[in-house]
Amino acid sequence: MKDFSKVIKYATIDVGSNAIRLLISNIYFHDSELFSTKNSLVRVPIRLGQDAFKNGKISKKNISRLLDSMKSFKLLMKVHNVDKYLAYATSALRSSSNGKKIIDLIKENSNIKIEIISGTKEARLITNNPAFSTKSKTFCFIDVGGGSTELTLIKNNIVLISKSFKIGGVRLINNLVDKSTWNEFGNWIENNLCDKRNIEVVALGGNINKIFKLSGNKIGEPLSINLINSTINDLEKMSFFNKMITLKLNPDRVDVIVPAGKIYQFVLNKMDVKEITVPKIGLADGMVHELMNEL
């Protein structure tokens, strides 16, 4: 491990289907251990999945917005004196016929190198967190994004089984998930996740984080399936305007939160789970740990 006496900064960029994020973290070494704390987070609501899943490629307009965002991220990393960065793209660029071209354009115009990763790698990174390394439990992670849902069983930091499905909030609002995909999803859950013992179910993603907050659940306490159901039912009854004004939801969150919530409901009902943990971590956090492992 490299020895350093001062705080350094790492940046992680998550190019998702509903938004892109830049997370800047403080990394420091204390008592022979590495720690990270969040310095700042920038979220830009470019819905790449709207193009990718409906048309098979990213539009010129969103390519331009993505390029501008990456140039901005490059400047933010510069003024923060970021020591190292990592940038990954997920379902939207995986599904786009022009994904490779976009990656090359970003490298040419902003000098940011982005890697398009598989759903399996995405799941591994998200679950790569010391908080889930206890030997006494098996963890089941449910990560619902705009374009895909990853289900992963992990124990002792070892992935036992993992599967990515083309089911996500942006796909659902565009009616792009057919019955056969839902059937495959449900069958896989029944065959691989049901009847397991001593499992803690962990839900990840911006939508479940927001559902947790709106539910009024006490921070640090498990979120019950009953409270998830009642919160989603309340959201379904509210108008677009009230969700934005009363609940202060971002416009790009308003239309996907209920469809994404129904994916969580589907999995939890199949597993007959009564409560879940919502730790508010994501891909960008897992990427931080990947960078820290290089020290």
C-alpha atoms as a PDB file:
ATOM      1  CA  MET A   1       0.000   0.000   0.000  1.00  0.00           C
ATOM      2  CA  LYS A   2       1.264   3.449  -0.896  1.00  0.00           C
ATOM      3  CA  ASP A   3       2.006   5.543   2.178  1.00  0.00           C
ATOM      4  CA  PHE A   4       0.639   9.073   2.341  1.00  0.00           C
ATOM      5  CA  SER A   5       0.214  11.508   5.188  1.00  0.00           C
ATOM      6  CA  LYS A   6      -2.346  13.910   3.729  1.00  0.00           C
ATOM      7  CA  VAL A   7      -5.855  13.616   2.352  1.00  0.00           C
ATOM      8  CA  ILE A   8      -6.020  12.914  -1.364  1.00  0.00           C
ATOM      9  CA  LYS A   9      -9.049  13.062  -3.655  1.00  0.00           C
ATOM     10  CA  TYR A  10     -10.466  10.480  -6.026  1.00  0.00           C
ATOM     11  CA  ALA A  11     -13.247  11.016  -8.552  1.00  0.00           C
ATOM     12  CA  THR A  12     -15.661   8.425  -9.910  1.00  0.00           C
ATOM     13  CA  ILE A  13     -17.978   8.995 -12.868  1.00  0.00           C
ATOM     14  CA  ASP A  14     -21.091   6.860 -13.370  1.00  0.00           C
ATOM     15  CA  VAL A  15     -22.667   7.253 -16.831  1.00  0.00           C
ATOM     16  CA  GLY A  16     -26.101   5.791 -16.174  1.00  0.00           C
ATOM     17  CA  SER A  17     -29.346   5.447 -18.102  1.00  0.00           C
ATOM     18  CA  ASN A  18     -31.315   8.116 -16.252  1.00  0.00           C
ATOM     19  CA  ALA A  19     -28.487  10.428 -15.150  1.00  0.00           C
ATOM     20  CA  ILE A  20     -24.720  10.769 -14.966  1.00  0.00           C
ATOM     21  CA  ARG A  21     -22.869  11.401 -11.711  1.00  0.00           C
ATOM     22  CA  LEU A  22     -19.511  12.717 -10.591  1.00  0.00           C
ATOM     23  CA  LEU A  23     -18.563  11.722  -7.047  1.00  0.00           C
ATOM     24  CA  ILE A  24     -15.471  13.292  -5.493  1.00  0.00           C
ATOM     25  CA  SER A  25     -14.219  11.514  -2.371  1.00  0.00           C
ATOM     26  CA  ASN A  26     -11.627  12.264   0.285  1.00  0.00           C
ATOM     27  CA  ILE A  27      -9.210   9.364   0.807  1.00  0.00           C
ATOM     28  CA  TYR A  28      -7.099   9.198   3.947  1.00  0.00           C
ATOM     29  CA  PHE A  29      -4.933   6.715   5.827  1.00  0.00           C
ATOM     30  CA  HIS A  30      -5.286   6.347   9.606  1.00  0.00           C
ATOM     31  CA  ASP A  31      -4.089   3.652  12.024  1.00  0.00           C
ATOM     32  CA  SER A  32      -3.087   1.329   9.173  1.00  0.00           C
ATOM     33  CA  GLU A  33      -6.518   1.612   7.539  1.00  0.00           C
ATOM     34  CA  LEU A  34      -7.863   3.421   4.499  1.00  0.00           C
ATOM     35  CA  PHE A  35     -11.015   5.522   4.757  1.00  0.00           C
ATOM     36  CA  SER A  36     -13.115   7.504   2.313  1.00  0.00           C
ATOM     37  CA  THR A  37     -15.621  10.290   2.867  1.00  0.00           C
ATOM     38  CA  LYS A  38     -17.843  12.034   0.368  1.00  0.00           C
ATOM     39  CA  ASN A  39     -16.604  15.469  -0.669  1.00  0.00           C
ATOM     40  CA  SER A  40     -19.123  16.417  -3.352  1.00  0.00           C
ATOM     41  CA  LEU A  41     -21.610  14.871  -5.754  1.00  0.00           C
ATOM     42  CA  VAL A  42     -22.819  16.314  -9.056  1.00  0.00           C
ATOM     43  CA  ARG A  43     -25.788  14.700 -10.808  1.00  0.00           C
ATOM     44  CA  VAL A  44     -26.770  15.668 -14.362  1.00  0.00           C
ATOM     45  CA  PRO A  45     -30.166  14.391 -15.612  1.00  0.00           C
ATOM     46  CA  ILE A  46     -29.265  13.273 -19.137  1.00  0.00           C
ATOM     47  CA  ARG A  47     -31.641  10.419 -19.893  1.00  0.00           C
ATOM     48  CA  LEU A  48     -29.434   8.394 -22.237  1.00  0.00           C
ATOM     49  CA  GLY A  49     -31.682   5.382 -21.814  1.00  0.00           C
ATOM     50  CA  GLN A  50     -34.585   7.177 -23.498  1.00  0.00           C
ATOM     51  CA  ASP A  51     -32.546   7.152 -26.724  1.00  0.00           C
ATOM     52  CA  ALA A  52     -30.779   3.831 -26.275  1.00  0.00           C
ATOM     53  CA  PHE A  53     -33.752   1.649 -25.377  1.00  0.00           C
ATOM     54  CA  LYS A  54     -36.247   3.177 -27.837  1.00  0.00           C
ATOM     55  CA  ASN A  55     -34.040   3.965 -30.842  1.00  0.00           C
ATOM     56  CA  GLY A  56     -30.967   1.828 -30.328  1.00  0.00           C
ATOM     57  CA  LYS A  57     -28.556   4.757 -30.263  1.00  0.00           C
ATOM     58  CA  ILE A  58     -27.887   8.036 -28.482  1.00  0.00           C
ATOM     59  CA  SER A  59     -29.209  11.173 -30.211  1.00  0.00           C
ATOM     60  CA  LYS A  60     -26.965  14.020 -31.379  1.00  0.00           C
ATOM     61  CA  LYS A  61     -28.592  16.307 -28.799  1.00  0.00           C
ATOM     62  CA  ASN A  62     -27.748  14.021 -25.885  1.00  0.00           C
ATOM     63  CA  ILE A  63     -24.267  13.307 -27.232  1.00  0.00           C
ATOM     64  CA  SER A  64     -23.679  17.066 -27.136  1.00  0.00           C
ATOM     65  CA  ARG A  65     -25.039  17.319 -23.581  1.00  0.00           C
ATOM     66  CA  LEU A  66     -22.904  14.377 -22.494  1.00  0.00           C
ATOM     67  CA  LEU A  67     -19.766  15.922 -24.008  1.00  0.00           C
ATOM     68  CA  ASP A  68     -20.452  19.254 -22.264  1.00  0.00           C
ATOM     69  CA  SER A  69     -20.993  17.440 -18.972  1.00  0.00           C
ATOM     70  CA  MET A  70     -17.701  15.561 -19.274  1.00  0.00           C
ATOM     71  CA  LYS A  71     -15.831  18.761 -20.053  1.00  0.00           C
ATOM     72  CA  SER A  72     -17.389  20.262 -16.922  1.00  0.00           C
ATOM     73  CA  PHE A  73     -16.469  17.181 -14.888  1.00  0.00           C
ATOM     74  CA  LYS A  74     -12.895  17.506 -16.136  1.00  0.00           C
ATOM     75  CA  LEU A  75     -12.747  21.105 -14.889  1.00  0.00           C
ATOM     76  CA  LEU A  76     -14.304  20.175 -11.550  1.00  0.00           C
ATOM     77  CA  MET A  77     -11.729  17.441 -11.078  1.00  0.00           C
ATOM     78  CA  LYS A  78      -9.001  19.957 -11.886  1.00  0.00           C
ATOM     79  CA  VAL A  79     -10.129  22.568  -9.343  1.00  0.00           C
ATOM     80  CA  HIS A  80     -10.566  19.839  -6.717  1.00  0.00           C
ATOM     81  CA  ASN A  81      -7.006  18.632  -7.359  1.00  0.00           C
ATOM     82  CA  VAL A  82      -8.240  15.088  -7.958  1.00  0.00           C
ATOM     83  CA  ASP A  83      -5.374  12.591  -7.778  1.00  0.00           C
ATOM     84  CA  LYS A  84      -7.044   9.816  -9.798  1.00  0.00           C
ATOM     85  CA  TYR A  85     -10.387   9.088 -11.446  1.00  0.00           C
ATOM     86  CA  LEU A  86     -12.411   6.179 -12.782  1.00  0.00           C
ATOM     87  CA  ALA A  87     -15.298   6.433 -15.273  1.00  0.00           C
ATOM     88  CA  TYR A  88     -17.736   3.640 -16.155  1.00  0.00           C
ATOM     89  CA  ALA A  89     -20.837   3.517 -18.368  1.00  0.00           C
ATOM     90  CA  THR A  90     -23.664   1.045 -17.873  1.00  0.00           C
ATOM     91  CA  SER A  91     -26.877  -0.118 -19.543  1.00  0.00           C
ATOM     92  CA  ALA A  92     -27.617   2.811 -21.897  1.00  0.00           C
ATOM     93  CA  LEU A  93     -24.237   2.844 -23.625  1.00  0.00           C
ATOM     94  CA  ARG A  94     -24.104  -0.974 -23.504  1.00  0.00           C
ATOM     95  CA  SER A  95     -27.313  -0.962 -25.560  1.00  0.00           C
ATOM     96  CA  SER A  96     -26.347   1.820 -28.000  1.00  0.00           C
ATOM     97  CA  SER A  97     -25.036   1.091 -31.475  1.00  0.00           C
ATOM     98  CA  ASN A  98     -22.971   4.292 -31.270  1.00  0.00           C
ATOM     99  CA  GLY A  99     -21.707   3.697 -27.722  1.00  0.00           C
ATOM    100  CA  LYS A 100     -18.097   3.079 -28.794  1.00  0.00           C
ATOM    101  CA  LYS A 101     -18.129   6.201 -30.977  1.00  0.00           C
ATOM    102  CA  ILE A 102     -19.368   8.285 -28.046  1.00  0.00           C
ATOM    103  CA  ILE A 103     -16.625   6.931 -25.779  1.00  0.00           C
ATOM    104  CA  ASP A 104     -14.027   7.918 -28.387  1.00  0.00           C
ATOM    105  CA  LEU A 105     -15.546  11.420 -28.764  1.00  0.00           C
ATOM    106  CA  ILE A 106     -15.431  11.972 -24.995  1.00  0.00           C
ATOM    107  CA  LYS A 107     -11.789  10.882 -24.848  1.00  0.00           C
ATOM    108  CA  GLU A 108     -10.917  13.198 -27.746  1.00  0.00           C
ATOM    109  CA  ASN A 109     -12.815  16.241 -26.429  1.00  0.00           C
ATOM    110  CA  SER A 110     -12.359  16.002 -22.648  1.00  0.00           C
ATOM    111  CA  ASN A 111      -9.509  13.512 -22.208  1.00  0.00           C
ATOM    112  CA  ILE A 112     -11.742  11.419 -19.934  1.00  0.00           C
ATOM    113  CA  LYS A 113     -11.468   7.693 -20.580  1.00  0.00           C
ATOM    114  CA  ILE A 114     -14.735   5.808 -20.036  1.00  0.00           C
ATOM    115  CA  GLU A 115     -15.172   2.039 -19.979  1.00  0.00           C
ATOM    116  CA  ILE A 116     -18.495   0.421 -20.845  1.00  0.00           C
ATOM    117  CA  ILE A 117     -18.913  -2.351 -18.270  1.00  0.00           C
ATOM    118  CA  SER A 118     -21.071  -5.475 -18.158  1.00  0.00           C
ATOM    119  CA  GLY A 119     -24.017  -5.936 -15.830  1.00  0.00           C
ATOM    120  CA  THR A 120     -22.008  -8.550 -13.930  1.00  0.00           C
ATOM    121  CA  LYS A 121     -19.136  -6.152 -13.294  1.00  0.00           C
ATOM    122  CA  GLU A 122     -21.611  -3.432 -12.331  1.00  0.00           C
ATOM    123  CA  ALA A 123     -23.124  -5.727  -9.703  1.00  0.00           C
ATOM    124  CA  ARG A 124     -19.705  -6.721  -8.368  1.00  0.00           C
ATOM    125  CA  LEU A 125     -18.617  -3.109  -7.976  1.00  0.00           C
ATOM    126  CA  ILE A 126     -21.803  -2.042  -6.200  1.00  0.00           C
ATOM    127  CA  THR A 127     -21.492  -4.873  -3.688  1.00  0.00           C
ATOM    128  CA  ASN A 128     -17.779  -4.195  -3.124  1.00  0.00           C
ATOM    129  CA  ASN A 129     -18.172  -2.562   0.264  1.00  0.00           C
ATOM    130  CA  PRO A 130     -16.547  -3.499   3.612  1.00  0.00           C
ATOM    131  CA  ALA A 131     -19.917  -3.072   5.328  1.00  0.00           C
ATOM    132  CA  PHE A 132     -21.067  -6.325   3.727  1.00  0.00           C
ATOM    133  CA  SER A 133     -18.060  -8.503   4.565  1.00  0.00           C
ATOM    134  CA  THR A 134     -19.501 -10.108   7.712  1.00  0.00           C
ATOM    135  CA  LYS A 135     -19.135 -13.904   7.698  1.00  0.00           C
ATOM    136  CA  SER A 136     -22.405 -14.584   9.486  1.00  0.00           C
ATOM    137  CA  LYS A 137     -24.712 -13.385   6.714  1.00  0.00           C
ATOM    138  CA  THR A 138     -25.467 -13.793   3.062  1.00  0.00           C
ATOM    139  CA  PHE A 139     -26.532 -10.555   1.382  1.00  0.00           C
ATOM    140  CA  CYS A 140     -28.953 -10.279  -1.503  1.00  0.00           C
ATOM    141  CA  PHE A 141     -28.529  -7.034  -3.430  1.00  0.00           C
ATOM    142  CA  ILE A 142     -31.289  -5.579  -5.586  1.00  0.00           C
ATOM    143  CA  ASP A 143     -30.012  -2.728  -7.760  1.00  0.00           C
ATOM    144  CA  VAL A 144     -32.664  -1.110  -9.959  1.00  0.00           C
ATOM    145  CA  GLY A 145     -31.417   1.385 -12.536  1.00  0.00           C
ATOM    146  CA  GLY A 146     -32.914   3.088 -15.550  1.00  0.00           C
ATOM    147  CA  GLY A 147     -32.045   0.312 -17.953  1.00  0.00           C
ATOM    148  CA  SER A 148     -31.314  -2.793 -15.933  1.00  0.00           C
ATOM    149  CA  THR A 149     -31.796  -4.575 -12.634  1.00  0.00           C
ATOM    150  CA  GLU A 150     -28.944  -6.524 -11.067  1.00  0.00           C
ATOM    151  CA  LEU A 151     -29.604  -9.256  -8.502  1.00  0.00           C
ATOM    152  CA  THR A 152     -26.589 -10.526  -6.567  1.00  0.00           C
ATOM    153  CA  LEU A 153     -25.968 -12.936  -3.695  1.00  0.00           C
ATOM    154  CA  ILE A 154     -22.717 -12.310  -1.811  1.00  0.00           C
ATOM    155  CA  LYS A 155     -21.063 -13.808   1.255  1.00  0.00           C
ATOM    156  CA  ASN A 156     -17.612 -13.053   2.712  1.00  0.00           C
ATOM    157  CA  ASN A 157     -17.058 -10.604  -0.169  1.00  0.00           C
ATOM    158  CA  ILE A 158     -17.493 -13.478  -2.624  1.00  0.00           C
ATOM    159  CA  VAL A 159     -20.234 -13.302  -5.263  1.00  0.00           C
ATOM    160  CA  LEU A 160     -22.209 -16.545  -5.097  1.00  0.00           C
ATOM    161  CA  ILE A 161     -24.514 -15.750  -8.000  1.00  0.00           C
ATOM    162  CA  SER A 162     -25.363 -12.661 -10.019  1.00  0.00           C
ATOM    163  CA  LYS A 163     -27.702 -11.847 -12.888  1.00  0.00           C
ATOM    164  CA  SER A 164     -28.526  -8.697 -14.854  1.00  0.00           C
ATOM    165  CA  PHE A 165     -31.959  -8.215 -16.437  1.00  0.00           C
ATOM    166  CA  LYS A 166     -33.085  -5.652 -19.011  1.00  0.00           C
ATOM    167  CA  ILE A 167     -35.728  -4.285 -16.656  1.00  0.00           C
ATOM    168  CA  GLY A 168     -35.419  -0.703 -15.373  1.00  0.00           C
ATOM    169  CA  GLY A 169     -37.367   2.464 -14.693  1.00  0.00           C
ATOM    170  CA  VAL A 170     -36.677   4.122 -18.059  1.00  0.00           C
ATOM    171  CA  ARG A 171     -37.473   0.920 -19.952  1.00  0.00           C
ATOM    172  CA  LEU A 172     -40.779   0.596 -18.082  1.00  0.00           C
ATOM    173  CA  ILE A 173     -42.021   4.123 -18.758  1.00  0.00           C
ATOM    174  CA  ASN A 174     -41.385   3.460 -22.464  1.00  0.00           C
ATOM    175  CA  ASN A 175     -43.225   0.089 -22.386  1.00  0.00           C
ATOM    176  CA  LEU A 176     -40.067  -1.772 -23.389  1.00  0.00           C
ATOM    177  CA  VAL A 177     -40.312  -4.732 -21.003  1.00  0.00           C
ATOM    178  CA  ASP A 178     -42.405  -7.586 -22.394  1.00  0.00           C
ATOM    179  CA  LYS A 179     -44.125 -10.428 -20.573  1.00  0.00           C
ATOM    180  CA  SER A 180     -41.412 -12.972 -21.414  1.00  0.00           C
ATOM    181  CA  THR A 181     -38.766 -10.788 -19.751  1.00  0.00           C
ATOM    182  CA  TRP A 182     -40.887 -10.503 -16.604  1.00  0.00           C
ATOM    183  CA  ASN A 183     -41.398 -14.282 -16.640  1.00  0.00           C
ATOM    184  CA  GLU A 184     -37.656 -14.904 -16.972  1.00  0.00           C
ATOM    185  CA  PHE A 185     -37.053 -12.434 -14.151  1.00  0.00           C
ATOM    186  CA  GLY A 186     -39.591 -14.088 -11.861  1.00  0.00           C
ATOM    187  CA  ASN A 187     -38.431 -17.628 -12.632  1.00  0.00           C
ATOM    188  CA  TRP A 188     -34.810 -16.738 -11.900  1.00  0.00           C
ATOM    189  CA  ILE A 189     -35.786 -15.230  -8.543  1.00  0.00           C
ATOM    190  CA  GLU A 190     -37.813 -18.321  -7.608  1.00  0.00           C
ATOM    191  CA  ASN A 191     -35.003 -20.699  -8.626  1.00  0.00           C
ATOM    192  CA  ASN A 192     -32.093 -18.795  -7.084  1.00  0.00           C
ATOM    193  CA  LEU A 193     -33.247 -16.457  -4.308  1.00  0.00           C
ATOM    194  CA  CYS A 194     -36.220 -18.101  -2.646  1.00  0.00           C
ATOM    195  CA  ASP A 195     -35.923 -20.485   0.319  1.00  0.00           C
ATOM    196  CA  LYS A 196     -32.526 -19.075   1.297  1.00  0.00           C
ATOM    197  CA  ARG A 197     -31.691 -18.811   4.990  1.00  0.00           C
ATOM    198  CA  ASN A 198     -30.120 -15.956   6.978  1.00  0.00           C
ATOM    199  CA  ILE A 199     -30.235 -13.471   4.094  1.00  0.00           C
ATOM    200  CA  GLU A 200     -30.210  -9.711   4.495  1.00  0.00           C
ATOM    201  CA  VAL A 201     -31.820  -8.046   1.485  1.00  0.00           C
ATOM    202  CA  VAL A 202     -30.136  -4.801   0.471  1.00  0.00           C
ATOM    203  CA  ALA A 203     -31.851  -2.409  -1.960  1.00  0.00           C
ATOM    204  CA  LEU A 204     -29.762   0.003  -4.022  1.00  0.00           C
ATOM    205  CA  GLY A 205     -30.530   2.838  -6.425  1.00  0.00           C
ATOM    206  CA  GLY A 206     -31.661   6.435  -6.423  1.00  0.00           C
ATOM    207  CA  ASN A 207     -35.354   5.547  -6.504  1.00  0.00           C
ATOM    208  CA  ILE A 208     -35.347   3.299  -3.446  1.00  0.00           C
ATOM    209  CA  ASN A 209     -33.274   5.927  -1.634  1.00  0.00           C
ATOM    210  CA  LYS A 210     -35.984   8.471  -2.389  1.00  0.00           C
ATOM    211  CA  ILE A 211     -38.782   6.055  -1.427  1.00  0.00           C
ATOM    212  CA  PHE A 212     -36.990   5.462   1.881  1.00  0.00           C
ATOM    213  CA  LYS A 213     -36.820   9.218   2.527  1.00  0.00           C
ATOM    214  CA  LEU A 214     -40.448   9.836   1.551  1.00  0.00           C
ATOM    215  CA  SER A 215     -41.633   6.943   3.734  1.00  0.00           C
ATOM    216  CA  GLY A 216     -40.481   8.756   6.878  1.00  0.00           C
ATOM    217  CA  ASN A 217     -38.610   5.644   8.000  1.00  0.00           C
ATOM    218  CA  LYS A 218     -35.998   6.232  10.682  1.00  0.00           C
ATOM    219  CA  ILE A 219     -32.475   6.454   9.243  1.00  0.00           C
ATOM    220  CA  GLY A 220     -30.467   3.317   9.984  1.00  0.00           C
ATOM    221  CA  GLU A 221     -33.569   1.183  10.524  1.00  0.00           C
ATOM    222  CA  PRO A 222     -34.813  -1.514   8.083  1.00  0.00           C
ATOM    223  CA  LEU A 223     -37.555  -0.474   5.670  1.00  0.00           C
ATOM    224  CA  SER A 224     -40.626  -2.702   5.802  1.00  0.00           C
ATOM    225  CA  ILE A 225     -42.383  -3.974   2.684  1.00  0.00           C
ATOM    226  CA  ASN A 226     -45.629  -2.527   4.090  1.00  0.00           C
ATOM    227  CA  LEU A 227     -44.115   0.953   4.221  1.00  0.00           C
ATOM    228  CA  ILE A 228     -42.710   0.547   0.697  1.00  0.00           C
ATOM    229  CA  ASN A 229     -46.168  -0.442  -0.548  1.00  0.00           C
ATOM    230  CA  SER A 230     -47.959   2.442   1.169  1.00  0.00           C
ATOM    231  CA  THR A 231     -45.387   4.998  -0.056  1.00  0.00           C
ATOM    232  CA  ILE A 232     -45.670   3.800  -3.664  1.00  0.00           C
ATOM    233  CA  ASN A 233     -49.481   3.796  -3.409  1.00  0.00           C
ATOM    234  CA  ASP A 234     -49.391   7.406  -2.179  1.00  0.00           C
ATOM    235  CA  LEU A 235     -47.063   8.394  -5.031  1.00  0.00           C
ATOM    236  CA  GLU A 236     -49.383   6.813  -7.611  1.00  0.00           C
ATOM    237  CA  LYS A 237     -52.248   9.010  -6.430  1.00  0.00           C
ATOM    238  CA  MET A 238     -50.269  12.257  -6.725  1.00  0.00           C
ATOM    239  CA  SER A 239     -50.082  14.430  -9.812  1.00  0.00           C
ATOM    240  CA  PHE A 240     -46.822  15.172 -11.616  1.00  0.00           C
ATOM    241  CA  PHE A 241     -47.020  18.754 -10.316  1.00  0.00           C
ATOM    242  CA  ASN A 242     -47.519  17.766  -6.672  1.00  0.00           C
ATOM    243  CA  LYS A 243     -44.647  15.295  -6.806  1.00  0.00           C
ATOM    244  CA  MET A 244     -42.363  18.083  -7.962  1.00  0.00           C
ATOM    245  CA  ILE A 245     -43.667  20.898  -5.766  1.00  0.00           C
ATOM    246  CA  THR A 246     -44.856  19.125  -2.615  1.00  0.00           C
ATOM    247  CA  LEU A 247     -42.279  16.329  -2.512  1.00  0.00           C
ATOM    248  CA  LYS A 248     -39.542  18.328  -4.278  1.00  0.00           C
ATOM    249  CA  LEU A 249     -38.724  15.509  -6.683  1.00  0.00           C
ATOM    250  CA  ASN A 250     -36.586  16.308  -9.714  1.00  0.00           C
ATOM    251  CA  PRO A 251     -38.513  16.153 -13.025  1.00  0.00           C
ATOM    252  CA  ASP A 252     -36.426  13.184 -14.205  1.00  0.00           C
ATOM    253  CA  ARG A 253     -37.289  11.329 -10.984  1.00  0.00           C
ATOM    254  CA  VAL A 254     -41.046  11.975 -11.033  1.00  0.00           C
ATOM    255  CA  ASP A 255     -41.955   9.603 -13.848  1.00  0.00           C
ATOM    256  CA  VAL A 256     -39.618   6.716 -12.969  1.00  0.00           C
ATOM    257  CA  ILE A 257     -39.938   6.429  -9.187  1.00  0.00           C
ATOM    258  CA  VAL A 258     -43.191   4.423  -9.203  1.00  0.00           C
ATOM    259  CA  PRO A 259     -42.209   2.042 -12.066  1.00  0.00           C
ATOM    260  CA  ALA A 260     -38.820   1.465 -10.386  1.00  0.00           C
ATOM    261  CA  GLY A 261     -40.580   0.954  -7.055  1.00  0.00           C
ATOM    262  CA  LYS A 262     -42.733  -1.749  -8.620  1.00  0.00           C
ATOM    263  CA  ILE A 263     -39.585  -3.655  -9.622  1.00  0.00           C
ATOM    264  CA  TYR A 264     -38.496  -3.732  -5.979  1.00  0.00           C
ATOM    265  CA  GLN A 265     -42.008  -4.816  -4.982  1.00  0.00           C
ATOM    266  CA  PHE A 266     -41.922  -7.619  -7.554  1.00  0.00           C
ATOM    267  CA  VAL A 267     -38.623  -9.017  -6.246  1.00  0.00           C
ATOM    268  CA  LEU A 268     -39.543  -8.689  -2.566  1.00  0.00           C
ATOM    269  CA  ASN A 269     -42.930 -10.306  -3.058  1.00  0.00           C
ATOM    270  CA  LYS A 270     -41.364 -13.211  -4.960  1.00  0.00           C
ATOM    271  CA  MET A 271     -38.851 -13.690  -2.131  1.00  0.00           C
ATOM    272  CA  ASP A 272     -41.540 -13.204   0.554  1.00  0.00           C
ATOM    273  CA  VAL A 273     -39.323 -10.610   2.277  1.00  0.00           C
ATOM    274  CA  LYS A 274     -40.798  -8.421   5.018  1.00  0.00           C
ATOM    275  CA  GLU A 275     -38.059  -5.775   5.342  1.00  0.00           C
ATOM    276  CA  ILE A 276     -34.927  -4.534   3.580  1.00  0.00           C
ATOM    277  CA  THR A 277     -31.821  -2.458   4.245  1.00  0.00           C
ATOM    278  CA  VAL A 278     -31.312   0.731   2.218  1.00  0.00           C
ATOM    279  CA  PRO A 279     -27.677   1.859   2.695  1.00  0.00           C
ATOM    280  CA  LYS A 280     -27.699   4.651   0.067  1.00  0.00           C
ATOM    281  CA  ILE A 281     -24.664   3.465  -1.861  1.00  0.00           C
ATOM    282  CA  GLY A 282     -24.250   3.007  -5.590  1.00  0.00           C
ATOM    283  CA  LEU A 283     -21.894   2.259  -8.432  1.00  0.00           C
ATOM    284  CA  ALA A 284     -19.795   5.385  -7.865  1.00  0.00           C
ATOM    285  CA  ASP A 285     -19.156   4.299  -4.247  1.00  0.00           C
ATOM    286  CA  GLY A 286     -18.040   0.851  -5.374  1.00  0.00           C
ATOM    287  CA  MET A 287     -15.701   2.466  -7.875  1.00  0.00           C
ATOM    288  CA  VAL A 288     -14.091   4.427  -5.034  1.00  0.00           C
ATOM    289  CA  HIS A 289     -13.267   1.155  -3.284  1.00  0.00           C
ATOM    290  CA  GLU A 290     -11.814  -0.202  -6.514  1.00  0.00           C
ATOM    291  CA  LEU A 291      -9.459   2.778  -6.701  1.00  0.00           C
ATOM    292  CA  MET A 292      -8.578   2.420  -3.006  1.00  0.00           C
ATOM    293  CA  ASN A 293      -7.609  -1.208  -3.567  1.00  0.00           C
ATOM    294  CA  GLU A 294      -4.832   0.043  -5.856  1.00  0.00           C
ATOM    295  CA  LEU A 295      -3.151   1.937  -3.011  1.00  0.00           C
END
